[in-house]
């Protein structure tokens, strides 16, 4: 990570510290459950790929990069679907959990330690890049989006999930999400929550559109997730209740395509 700026290096180090702790507390059990699930689903509440129109589409034979893969359960799902994924993450503990589950399940694909802000891959290496609560939230979009554009092939797709803008605006510094605005929208970029060493990056819809277009992407879809009726509040991200998520979208999936 020698090419990172001092600020970015501190951000990555803080996120590695945070996710090493999360992996210790939740990693093994949570990852094992996700790897055992043979249905692709998105986000905190397990919204199934099929129920939202299958934004991934047919991934058979595609070279796919998962940026910020964590324990790499999404790449495991993609492998089952016939893709050729590569998982990248800066946290050694998360990758160690992923490698252990690879050994246990026999589902194998490359795992690379690295930061999304400086991707260690040649130009035009992948047909698709995806991130589900990985680089999409814990890497600076003004750094990782240009890197994704560099490693994607022409007409390749970028699919990523992030917390909705409403979640950011309605979340207090401490405690559960509210039904009232807690912070301003203008100036959104990064936030560090009290007690967490990591940094989250969230920008507005308008900023996402401008950033994606500036890097050659055409936005094809924005899917605002709704919590399924049979879902319970997530065991880790419990600050968002299922009831809240049936009234407002807790998460959104962006689908973009790289044009010439």
Protein backbone atom coordinates (compact mmCIF):
# COMPACT_ATOMS: atom_id res chain seq x y z
CA UNK A 1 0.00 0.00 0.00
CA UNK A 2 2.99 2.27 -0.48
CA UNK A 3 1.15 4.29 -3.16
CA UNK A 4 -1.51 5.47 -0.70
CA UNK A 5 -1.51 8.99 0.71
CA UNK A 6 -0.95 9.40 4.45
CA UNK A 7 -4.65 10.23 4.99
CA UNK A 8 -5.80 7.20 3.03
CA UNK A 9 -3.27 4.96 4.76
CA UNK A 10 -4.66 6.05 8.13
CA UNK A 11 -8.20 5.40 6.91
CA UNK A 12 -7.31 1.91 5.68
CA UNK A 13 -5.46 1.13 8.94
CA UNK A 14 -8.46 2.23 11.01
CA UNK A 15 -10.81 0.09 8.97
CA UNK A 16 -8.47 -2.91 9.24
CA UNK A 17 -8.45 -2.45 13.02
CA UNK A 18 -12.23 -2.25 13.14
CA UNK A 19 -12.83 -5.27 10.90
CA UNK A 20 -10.23 -7.36 12.73
CA UNK A 21 -12.32 -6.79 15.87
CA UNK A 22 -15.59 -7.53 14.05
CA UNK A 23 -14.10 -10.69 12.58
CA UNK A 24 -13.11 -11.86 16.07
CA UNK A 25 -16.57 -11.18 17.50
CA UNK A 26 -18.81 -12.22 14.60
CA UNK A 27 -16.66 -13.47 11.75
CA UNK A 28 -16.59 -17.23 12.02
CA UNK A 29 -20.25 -17.89 12.81
CA UNK A 30 -21.62 -15.19 10.52
CA UNK A 31 -19.34 -16.12 7.62
CA UNK A 32 -20.12 -19.83 7.96
CA UNK A 33 -23.85 -19.12 7.75
CA UNK A 34 -23.38 -16.96 4.66
CA UNK A 35 -21.15 -19.49 2.92
CA UNK A 36 -23.70 -22.22 3.61
CA UNK A 37 -26.51 -20.22 2.01
CA UNK A 38 -26.82 -21.19 -1.66
CA UNK A 39 -29.16 -18.27 -2.49
CA UNK A 40 -27.57 -14.94 -3.45
CA UNK A 41 -28.93 -12.19 -1.23
CA UNK A 42 -28.10 -8.58 -0.52
CA UNK A 43 -27.60 -6.45 2.56
CA UNK A 44 -28.43 -6.68 6.21
CA UNK A 45 -31.84 -8.25 5.76
CA UNK A 46 -31.04 -10.83 3.11
CA UNK A 47 -33.04 -9.43 0.19
CA UNK A 48 -32.78 -12.13 -2.46
CA UNK A 49 -31.24 -11.44 -5.84
CA UNK A 50 -34.29 -12.86 -7.62
CA UNK A 51 -36.78 -10.70 -5.71
CA UNK A 52 -35.20 -7.48 -7.01
CA UNK A 53 -34.95 -8.45 -10.66
CA UNK A 54 -31.55 -10.20 -10.58
CA UNK A 55 -29.26 -7.16 -11.06
CA UNK A 56 -26.20 -9.44 -11.34
CA UNK A 57 -27.64 -11.24 -14.35
CA UNK A 58 -25.87 -14.25 -15.81
CA UNK A 59 -22.32 -14.30 -14.42
CA UNK A 60 -21.24 -17.57 -16.05
CA UNK A 61 -17.65 -17.31 -17.27
CA UNK A 62 -17.18 -13.71 -16.10
CA UNK A 63 -14.01 -12.46 -14.43
CA UNK A 64 -15.36 -10.70 -11.33
CA UNK A 65 -13.54 -8.61 -8.74
CA UNK A 66 -15.12 -8.24 -5.31
CA UNK A 67 -13.59 -5.15 -3.70
CA UNK A 68 -13.68 -5.25 0.07
CA UNK A 69 -14.73 -8.89 0.08
CA UNK A 70 -14.42 -9.41 3.84
CA UNK A 71 -15.00 -13.13 4.45
CA UNK A 72 -15.78 -13.49 0.72
CA UNK A 73 -19.19 -15.15 0.98
CA UNK A 74 -20.38 -13.18 -2.05
CA UNK A 75 -17.48 -14.49 -4.13
CA UNK A 76 -18.38 -18.00 -2.94
CA UNK A 77 -21.92 -17.49 -4.24
CA UNK A 78 -20.56 -16.21 -7.55
CA UNK A 79 -18.30 -19.26 -7.89
CA UNK A 80 -21.36 -21.50 -7.53
CA UNK A 81 -23.01 -19.50 -10.31
CA UNK A 82 -20.10 -20.15 -12.71
CA UNK A 83 -18.15 -16.89 -12.35
CA UNK A 84 -14.39 -16.58 -11.86
CA UNK A 85 -14.19 -14.22 -8.87
CA UNK A 86 -11.20 -12.66 -7.15
CA UNK A 87 -11.72 -11.36 -3.62
CA UNK A 88 -9.71 -8.35 -2.42
CA UNK A 89 -9.65 -7.02 1.14
CA UNK A 90 -7.16 -5.11 3.32
CA UNK A 91 -7.93 -7.07 6.52
CA UNK A 92 -5.79 -10.21 7.02
CA UNK A 93 -8.15 -11.64 9.65
CA UNK A 94 -11.11 -11.49 7.27
CA UNK A 95 -9.12 -13.19 4.52
CA UNK A 96 -7.98 -15.87 6.97
CA UNK A 97 -11.61 -16.67 7.74
CA UNK A 98 -12.35 -16.82 4.01
CA UNK A 99 -9.44 -19.20 3.39
CA UNK A 100 -10.57 -21.46 6.22
CA UNK A 101 -14.05 -21.65 4.73
CA UNK A 102 -12.58 -22.34 1.30
CA UNK A 103 -10.80 -25.33 2.79
CA UNK A 104 -13.96 -26.51 4.55
CA UNK A 105 -16.29 -26.13 1.56
CA UNK A 106 -13.98 -26.84 -1.36
CA UNK A 107 -15.08 -23.58 -3.02
CA UNK A 108 -11.85 -21.96 -4.15
CA UNK A 109 -10.93 -18.67 -5.82
CA UNK A 110 -8.05 -16.20 -5.44
CA UNK A 111 -7.95 -13.99 -2.34
CA UNK A 112 -5.71 -10.92 -2.42
CA UNK A 113 -4.74 -8.60 0.42
CA UNK A 114 -4.95 -5.01 -0.78
CA UNK A 115 -6.82 -1.72 -0.72
CA UNK A 116 -9.49 -0.69 -3.21
CA UNK A 117 -7.95 2.77 -3.45
CA UNK A 118 -4.92 1.30 -5.30
CA UNK A 119 -5.99 -1.94 -6.95
CA UNK A 120 -3.10 -4.38 -7.54
CA UNK A 121 -4.36 -5.53 -10.94
CA UNK A 122 -3.55 -4.60 -14.55
CA UNK A 123 -5.85 -2.48 -16.69
CA UNK A 124 -8.92 -4.17 -18.23
CA UNK A 125 -8.67 -7.30 -16.05
CA UNK A 126 -12.34 -7.85 -15.18
CA UNK A 127 -15.81 -8.07 -16.70
CA UNK A 128 -17.55 -7.06 -13.49
CA UNK A 129 -16.67 -5.38 -10.21
CA UNK A 130 -18.96 -5.63 -7.21
CA UNK A 131 -19.01 -4.52 -3.61
CA UNK A 132 -21.59 -5.31 -0.96
CA UNK A 133 -20.70 -3.35 2.16
CA UNK A 134 -17.02 -3.46 1.28
CA UNK A 135 -15.08 -0.81 -0.58
CA UNK A 136 -18.46 0.75 -1.36
CA UNK A 137 -18.67 1.97 2.24
CA UNK A 138 -15.15 1.83 3.71
CA UNK A 139 -13.07 3.25 0.84
CA UNK A 140 -13.07 6.79 -0.51
CA UNK A 141 -15.27 6.72 -3.65
CA UNK A 142 -13.17 9.43 -5.27
CA UNK A 143 -10.27 6.96 -5.19
CA UNK A 144 -11.81 3.52 -5.67
CA UNK A 145 -14.22 4.41 -8.50
CA UNK A 146 -11.39 5.56 -10.85
CA UNK A 147 -9.48 2.39 -9.96
CA UNK A 148 -12.51 0.26 -10.84
CA UNK A 149 -12.86 2.05 -14.17
CA UNK A 150 -9.20 1.26 -14.86
CA UNK A 151 -9.45 -2.49 -14.20
CA UNK A 152 -12.83 -3.00 -15.91
CA UNK A 153 -13.06 -4.04 -19.53
CA UNK A 154 -15.12 -1.97 -21.95
CA UNK A 155 -18.84 -2.55 -21.38
CA UNK A 156 -18.03 -4.08 -17.98
CA UNK A 157 -20.39 -3.55 -15.11
CA UNK A 158 -20.01 -2.13 -11.61
CA UNK A 159 -22.57 -3.20 -9.01
CA UNK A 160 -22.37 -1.99 -5.44
CA UNK A 161 -24.52 -1.78 -2.34
CA UNK A 162 -24.36 1.12 0.11
CA UNK A 163 -26.49 2.38 3.00
CA UNK A 164 -29.20 4.66 1.70
CA UNK A 165 -28.85 8.40 2.01
CA UNK A 166 -31.82 8.33 4.39
CA UNK A 167 -29.95 6.02 6.76
CA UNK A 168 -27.03 8.44 6.86
CA UNK A 169 -29.32 11.42 7.45
CA UNK A 170 -31.49 9.74 10.11
CA UNK A 171 -28.73 7.98 12.09
CA UNK A 172 -27.67 9.71 15.33
CA UNK A 173 -24.07 9.54 16.44
CA UNK A 174 -25.10 7.03 19.13
CA UNK A 175 -28.16 4.82 19.29
CA UNK A 176 -30.78 3.43 16.94
CA UNK A 177 -31.90 5.04 13.72
CA UNK A 178 -34.64 7.65 14.00
CA UNK A 179 -37.52 8.88 11.86
CA UNK A 180 -36.18 12.44 11.86
CA UNK A 181 -33.18 14.07 10.22
CA UNK A 182 -30.08 14.06 12.41
CA UNK A 183 -27.47 15.63 10.11
CA UNK A 184 -27.12 17.76 7.00
CA UNK A 185 -26.91 16.31 3.50
CA UNK A 186 -24.66 18.93 1.96
CA UNK A 187 -21.02 18.09 2.48
CA UNK A 188 -21.51 14.33 2.81
CA UNK A 189 -18.28 12.42 2.33
CA UNK A 190 -16.83 10.65 5.37
CA UNK A 191 -17.84 9.95 8.93
CA UNK A 192 -16.25 8.24 11.92
CA UNK A 193 -18.75 6.95 14.47
CA UNK A 194 -17.97 7.39 18.19
CA UNK A 195 -15.95 4.45 19.48
CA UNK A 196 -15.10 3.05 16.03
CA UNK A 197 -11.58 3.41 14.61
CA UNK A 198 -12.81 3.04 11.03
CA UNK A 199 -14.04 5.61 8.51
CA UNK A 200 -17.18 5.27 6.43
CA UNK A 201 -17.61 7.13 3.14
CA UNK A 202 -21.05 8.16 1.98
CA UNK A 203 -21.95 10.65 -0.72
CA UNK A 204 -25.27 11.91 -2.07
CA UNK A 205 -27.08 10.57 -5.13
CA UNK A 206 -26.09 13.60 -7.17
CA UNK A 207 -22.43 13.19 -6.25
CA UNK A 208 -22.57 9.48 -7.11
CA UNK A 209 -24.01 10.23 -10.54
CA UNK A 210 -21.42 12.91 -11.28
CA UNK A 211 -18.55 10.72 -10.06
CA UNK A 212 -19.65 7.70 -12.07
CA UNK A 213 -20.20 9.74 -15.25
CA UNK A 214 -16.82 11.44 -14.85
CA UNK A 215 -15.19 8.01 -14.90
CA UNK A 216 -16.98 6.73 -17.98
CA UNK A 217 -19.93 4.96 -16.35
CA UNK A 218 -23.55 5.02 -17.39
CA UNK A 219 -25.97 4.44 -14.51
CA UNK A 220 -28.35 1.66 -15.47
CA UNK A 221 -30.30 1.20 -12.26
CA UNK A 222 -30.68 2.30 -8.67
CA UNK A 223 -32.49 -0.30 -6.58
CA UNK A 224 -33.78 0.92 -3.23
CA UNK A 225 -34.15 -2.14 -1.04
CA UNK A 226 -37.18 -2.81 1.12
CA UNK A 227 -36.97 -5.16 4.07
CA UNK A 228 -38.93 -8.38 3.44
CA UNK A 229 -42.03 -8.98 5.55
CA UNK A 230 -40.54 -12.08 7.18
CA UNK A 231 -37.18 -10.48 8.06
CA UNK A 232 -35.98 -9.82 11.60
CA UNK A 233 -33.67 -7.07 12.75
CA UNK A 234 -30.10 -8.05 11.84
CA UNK A 235 -28.05 -9.42 14.72
CA UNK A 236 -25.09 -7.10 14.11
CA UNK A 237 -26.43 -4.02 12.36
CA UNK A 238 -29.27 -3.86 14.85
CA UNK A 239 -29.49 -0.07 14.90
CA UNK A 240 -31.84 -0.33 11.89
CA UNK A 241 -35.06 -2.15 12.70
CA UNK A 242 -36.96 -4.26 10.21
CA UNK A 243 -39.98 -2.02 10.81
CA UNK A 244 -37.98 1.07 9.82
CA UNK A 245 -36.74 -0.72 6.70
CA UNK A 246 -40.27 -1.50 5.54
CA UNK A 247 -41.05 2.21 5.45
CA UNK A 248 -37.79 3.59 4.05
CA UNK A 249 -34.92 1.93 2.16
CA UNK A 250 -32.05 0.97 4.47
CA UNK A 251 -29.81 0.21 1.49
CA UNK A 252 -29.52 0.79 -2.24
CA UNK A 253 -27.83 -1.06 -5.07
CA UNK A 254 -26.22 0.92 -7.87
CA UNK A 255 -25.78 -0.71 -11.28
CA UNK A 256 -23.48 1.04 -13.78
CA UNK A 257 -21.79 0.10 -17.05
CA UNK A 258 -18.43 1.31 -18.35
CA UNK A 259 -18.79 2.86 -21.78
CA UNK A 260 -16.06 3.64 -24.32
